[in-house]
């Protein structure tokens, strides 16, 4: 029962959703703080790049889930 591929994919999907939510919240908070605290553009750009990396990682995780599903089909 522990090796059920659907269960593993569901857990991976939940993990991916958590990464997306955390990245989105991080981006919103750092954008707000950057504008209200007067951070320089270089600092804001750094946080934008970190958020972009988080979303890229979530996209990669989504691709892995999709490939896993495709491999189980055929």
N, C-alpha and C. Protein backbone atom coordinates (compact mmCIF):
# COMPACT_ATOMS: atom_id res chain seq x y z
N UNK A 1 0.81 -1.19 0.00
CA UNK A 1 0.00 0.00 0.00
C UNK A 1 0.86 1.26 0.00
N UNK A 2 2.06 1.19 0.58
CA UNK A 2 2.92 2.35 0.63
C UNK A 2 3.55 2.69 -0.71
N UNK A 3 3.57 1.74 -1.65
CA UNK A 3 4.17 1.97 -2.96
C UNK A 3 3.15 2.36 -4.01
N UNK A 4 1.97 2.73 -3.61
CA UNK A 4 0.93 3.12 -4.55
C UNK A 4 1.37 4.36 -5.32
N UNK A 5 1.53 4.26 -6.65
CA UNK A 5 2.01 5.41 -7.43
C UNK A 5 1.06 6.61 -7.39
N UNK A 6 -0.25 6.34 -7.32
CA UNK A 6 -1.20 7.46 -7.25
C UNK A 6 -1.03 8.24 -5.96
N UNK A 7 -0.77 7.54 -4.88
CA UNK A 7 -0.57 8.20 -3.59
C UNK A 7 0.71 9.04 -3.61
N UNK A 8 1.77 8.49 -4.21
CA UNK A 8 3.03 9.24 -4.30
C UNK A 8 2.86 10.49 -5.15
N UNK A 9 2.11 10.36 -6.25
CA UNK A 9 1.87 11.51 -7.11
C UNK A 9 1.01 12.56 -6.39
N UNK A 10 0.05 12.10 -5.60
CA UNK A 10 -0.78 13.05 -4.85
C UNK A 10 0.07 13.80 -3.83
N UNK A 11 0.96 13.11 -3.15
CA UNK A 11 1.85 13.77 -2.19
C UNK A 11 2.79 14.74 -2.89
N UNK A 12 3.29 14.34 -4.06
CA UNK A 12 4.16 15.23 -4.82
C UNK A 12 3.38 16.46 -5.30
N UNK A 13 2.12 16.28 -5.66
CA UNK A 13 1.29 17.40 -6.07
C UNK A 13 1.04 18.37 -4.92
N UNK A 14 0.81 17.83 -3.73
CA UNK A 14 0.63 18.69 -2.56
C UNK A 14 1.90 19.47 -2.25
N UNK A 15 3.04 18.79 -2.36
CA UNK A 15 4.32 19.45 -2.12
C UNK A 15 4.56 20.57 -3.14
N UNK A 16 4.22 20.30 -4.38
CA UNK A 16 4.37 21.31 -5.44
C UNK A 16 3.46 22.51 -5.17
N UNK A 17 2.23 22.25 -4.75
CA UNK A 17 1.31 23.34 -4.44
C UNK A 17 1.84 24.18 -3.28
N UNK A 18 2.42 23.53 -2.28
CA UNK A 18 2.97 24.26 -1.15
C UNK A 18 4.14 25.14 -1.57
N UNK A 19 4.97 24.63 -2.48
CA UNK A 19 6.09 25.43 -2.99
C UNK A 19 5.57 26.65 -3.74
N UNK A 20 4.53 26.46 -4.55
CA UNK A 20 3.95 27.58 -5.30
C UNK A 20 3.37 28.64 -4.37
N UNK A 21 2.62 28.19 -3.37
CA UNK A 21 2.00 29.13 -2.43
C UNK A 21 3.07 29.87 -1.64
N UNK A 22 4.06 29.14 -1.14
CA UNK A 22 5.12 29.77 -0.35
C UNK A 22 5.90 30.78 -1.20
N UNK A 23 6.18 30.42 -2.44
CA UNK A 23 6.91 31.33 -3.32
C UNK A 23 6.08 32.58 -3.61
N UNK A 24 4.80 32.40 -3.88
CA UNK A 24 3.94 33.54 -4.14
C UNK A 24 3.84 34.48 -2.95
N UNK A 25 3.67 33.91 -1.77
CA UNK A 25 3.60 34.74 -0.56
C UNK A 25 4.93 35.45 -0.30
N UNK A 26 6.03 34.73 -0.50
CA UNK A 26 7.35 35.33 -0.34
C UNK A 26 7.51 36.53 -1.27
N UNK A 27 7.09 36.35 -2.51
CA UNK A 27 7.23 37.41 -3.51
C UNK A 27 6.37 38.62 -3.15
N UNK A 28 5.13 38.37 -2.73
CA UNK A 28 4.24 39.47 -2.36
C UNK A 28 4.80 40.24 -1.17
N UNK A 29 5.25 39.52 -0.15
CA UNK A 29 5.77 40.17 1.06
C UNK A 29 7.04 40.97 0.76
N UNK A 30 7.96 40.38 0.01
CA UNK A 30 9.20 41.11 -0.28
C UNK A 30 8.95 42.32 -1.19
N UNK A 31 7.99 42.22 -2.09
CA UNK A 31 7.65 43.37 -2.94
C UNK A 31 7.06 44.49 -2.09
N UNK A 32 6.17 44.13 -1.18
CA UNK A 32 5.57 45.12 -0.29
C UNK A 32 6.64 45.77 0.60
N UNK A 33 7.47 44.94 1.22
CA UNK A 33 8.51 45.49 2.10
C UNK A 33 9.50 46.35 1.32
N UNK A 34 9.84 45.91 0.13
CA UNK A 34 10.78 46.67 -0.68
C UNK A 34 10.27 48.05 -1.03
N UNK A 35 8.98 48.15 -1.33
CA UNK A 35 8.44 49.46 -1.69
C UNK A 35 8.26 50.35 -0.46
N UNK A 36 7.88 49.77 0.66
CA UNK A 36 7.64 50.59 1.86
C UNK A 36 8.91 50.92 2.63
N UNK A 37 9.91 50.09 2.52
CA UNK A 37 11.16 50.35 3.23
C UNK A 37 12.21 51.02 2.35
N UNK A 38 11.88 51.20 1.10
CA UNK A 38 12.79 51.90 0.19
C UNK A 38 14.05 51.12 -0.17
N UNK A 39 13.90 49.81 -0.35
CA UNK A 39 15.05 49.01 -0.73
C UNK A 39 15.53 49.42 -2.12
N UNK A 40 16.83 49.33 -2.36
CA UNK A 40 17.33 49.64 -3.71
C UNK A 40 16.84 48.61 -4.74
N UNK A 41 16.87 49.02 -6.00
CA UNK A 41 16.40 48.14 -7.07
C UNK A 41 17.17 46.83 -7.15
N UNK A 42 18.45 46.87 -6.83
CA UNK A 42 19.25 45.63 -6.88
C UNK A 42 18.75 44.61 -5.87
N UNK A 43 18.37 45.08 -4.69
CA UNK A 43 17.85 44.17 -3.66
C UNK A 43 16.48 43.61 -4.08
N UNK A 44 15.64 44.47 -4.62
CA UNK A 44 14.33 44.01 -5.10
C UNK A 44 14.49 43.00 -6.22
N UNK A 45 15.44 43.26 -7.11
CA UNK A 45 15.68 42.33 -8.22
C UNK A 45 16.19 40.98 -7.71
N UNK A 46 16.99 41.01 -6.66
CA UNK A 46 17.46 39.75 -6.07
C UNK A 46 16.29 38.91 -5.58
N UNK A 47 15.36 39.55 -4.87
CA UNK A 47 14.19 38.81 -4.38
C UNK A 47 13.29 38.36 -5.53
N UNK A 48 13.22 39.15 -6.58
CA UNK A 48 12.46 38.72 -7.77
C UNK A 48 13.10 37.47 -8.39
N UNK A 49 14.41 37.44 -8.45
CA UNK A 49 15.10 36.27 -9.01
C UNK A 49 14.92 35.04 -8.12
N UNK A 50 14.92 35.24 -6.82
CA UNK A 50 14.68 34.13 -5.90
C UNK A 50 13.27 33.57 -6.11
N UNK A 51 12.29 34.47 -6.26
CA UNK A 51 10.92 34.02 -6.52
C UNK A 51 10.83 33.31 -7.87
N UNK A 52 11.52 33.83 -8.87
CA UNK A 52 11.53 33.18 -10.18
C UNK A 52 12.11 31.77 -10.08
N UNK A 53 13.16 31.62 -9.31
CA UNK A 53 13.75 30.29 -9.10
C UNK A 53 12.75 29.36 -8.41
N UNK A 54 12.01 29.88 -7.44
CA UNK A 54 11.00 29.07 -6.76
C UNK A 54 9.90 28.61 -7.70
N UNK A 55 9.43 29.52 -8.55
CA UNK A 55 8.41 29.13 -9.52
C UNK A 55 8.97 28.17 -10.57
N UNK A 56 10.23 28.36 -10.95
CA UNK A 56 10.86 27.41 -11.87
C UNK A 56 10.98 26.03 -11.28
N UNK A 57 11.32 25.98 -10.00
CA UNK A 57 11.42 24.69 -9.31
C UNK A 57 10.05 24.02 -9.26
N UNK A 58 9.00 24.78 -8.97
CA UNK A 58 7.65 24.22 -8.94
C UNK A 58 7.25 23.71 -10.32
N UNK A 59 7.63 24.42 -11.36
CA UNK A 59 7.35 23.96 -12.72
C UNK A 59 8.08 22.65 -13.01
N UNK A 60 9.33 22.55 -12.57
CA UNK A 60 10.10 21.32 -12.75
C UNK A 60 9.44 20.16 -11.99
N UNK A 61 8.96 20.43 -10.79
CA UNK A 61 8.27 19.40 -10.01
C UNK A 61 6.99 18.95 -10.72
N UNK A 62 6.27 19.89 -11.30
CA UNK A 62 5.05 19.57 -12.04
C UNK A 62 5.37 18.71 -13.25
N UNK A 63 6.45 19.03 -13.93
CA UNK A 63 6.88 18.23 -15.08
C UNK A 63 7.21 16.80 -14.63
N UNK A 64 7.85 16.66 -13.49
CA UNK A 64 8.18 15.33 -12.97
C UNK A 64 6.94 14.52 -12.66
N UNK A 65 5.93 15.16 -12.11
CA UNK A 65 4.67 14.47 -11.83
C UNK A 65 4.01 14.04 -13.14
N UNK A 66 4.01 14.92 -14.11
CA UNK A 66 3.42 14.59 -15.41
C UNK A 66 4.15 13.42 -16.07
N UNK A 67 5.49 13.44 -16.02
CA UNK A 67 6.27 12.34 -16.62
C UNK A 67 6.00 11.02 -15.90
N UNK A 68 5.87 11.08 -14.59
CA UNK A 68 5.56 9.88 -13.82
C UNK A 68 4.22 9.29 -14.25
N UNK A 69 3.26 10.16 -14.45
CA UNK A 69 1.94 9.71 -14.89
C UNK A 69 2.01 9.12 -16.30
N UNK A 70 2.76 9.74 -17.18
CA UNK A 70 2.91 9.24 -18.55
C UNK A 70 3.60 7.88 -18.58
N UNK A 71 4.60 7.70 -17.72
CA UNK A 71 5.32 6.42 -17.67
C UNK A 71 4.42 5.29 -17.16
N UNK A 72 3.51 5.61 -16.25
CA UNK A 72 2.61 4.58 -15.72
C UNK A 72 1.52 4.20 -16.73
N UNK A 73 1.20 5.09 -17.63
CA UNK A 73 0.17 4.79 -18.64
C UNK A 73 0.64 3.72 -19.62
N UNK A 74 1.87 3.86 -20.07
CA UNK A 74 2.31 2.96 -21.14
C UNK A 74 3.55 2.33 -20.81
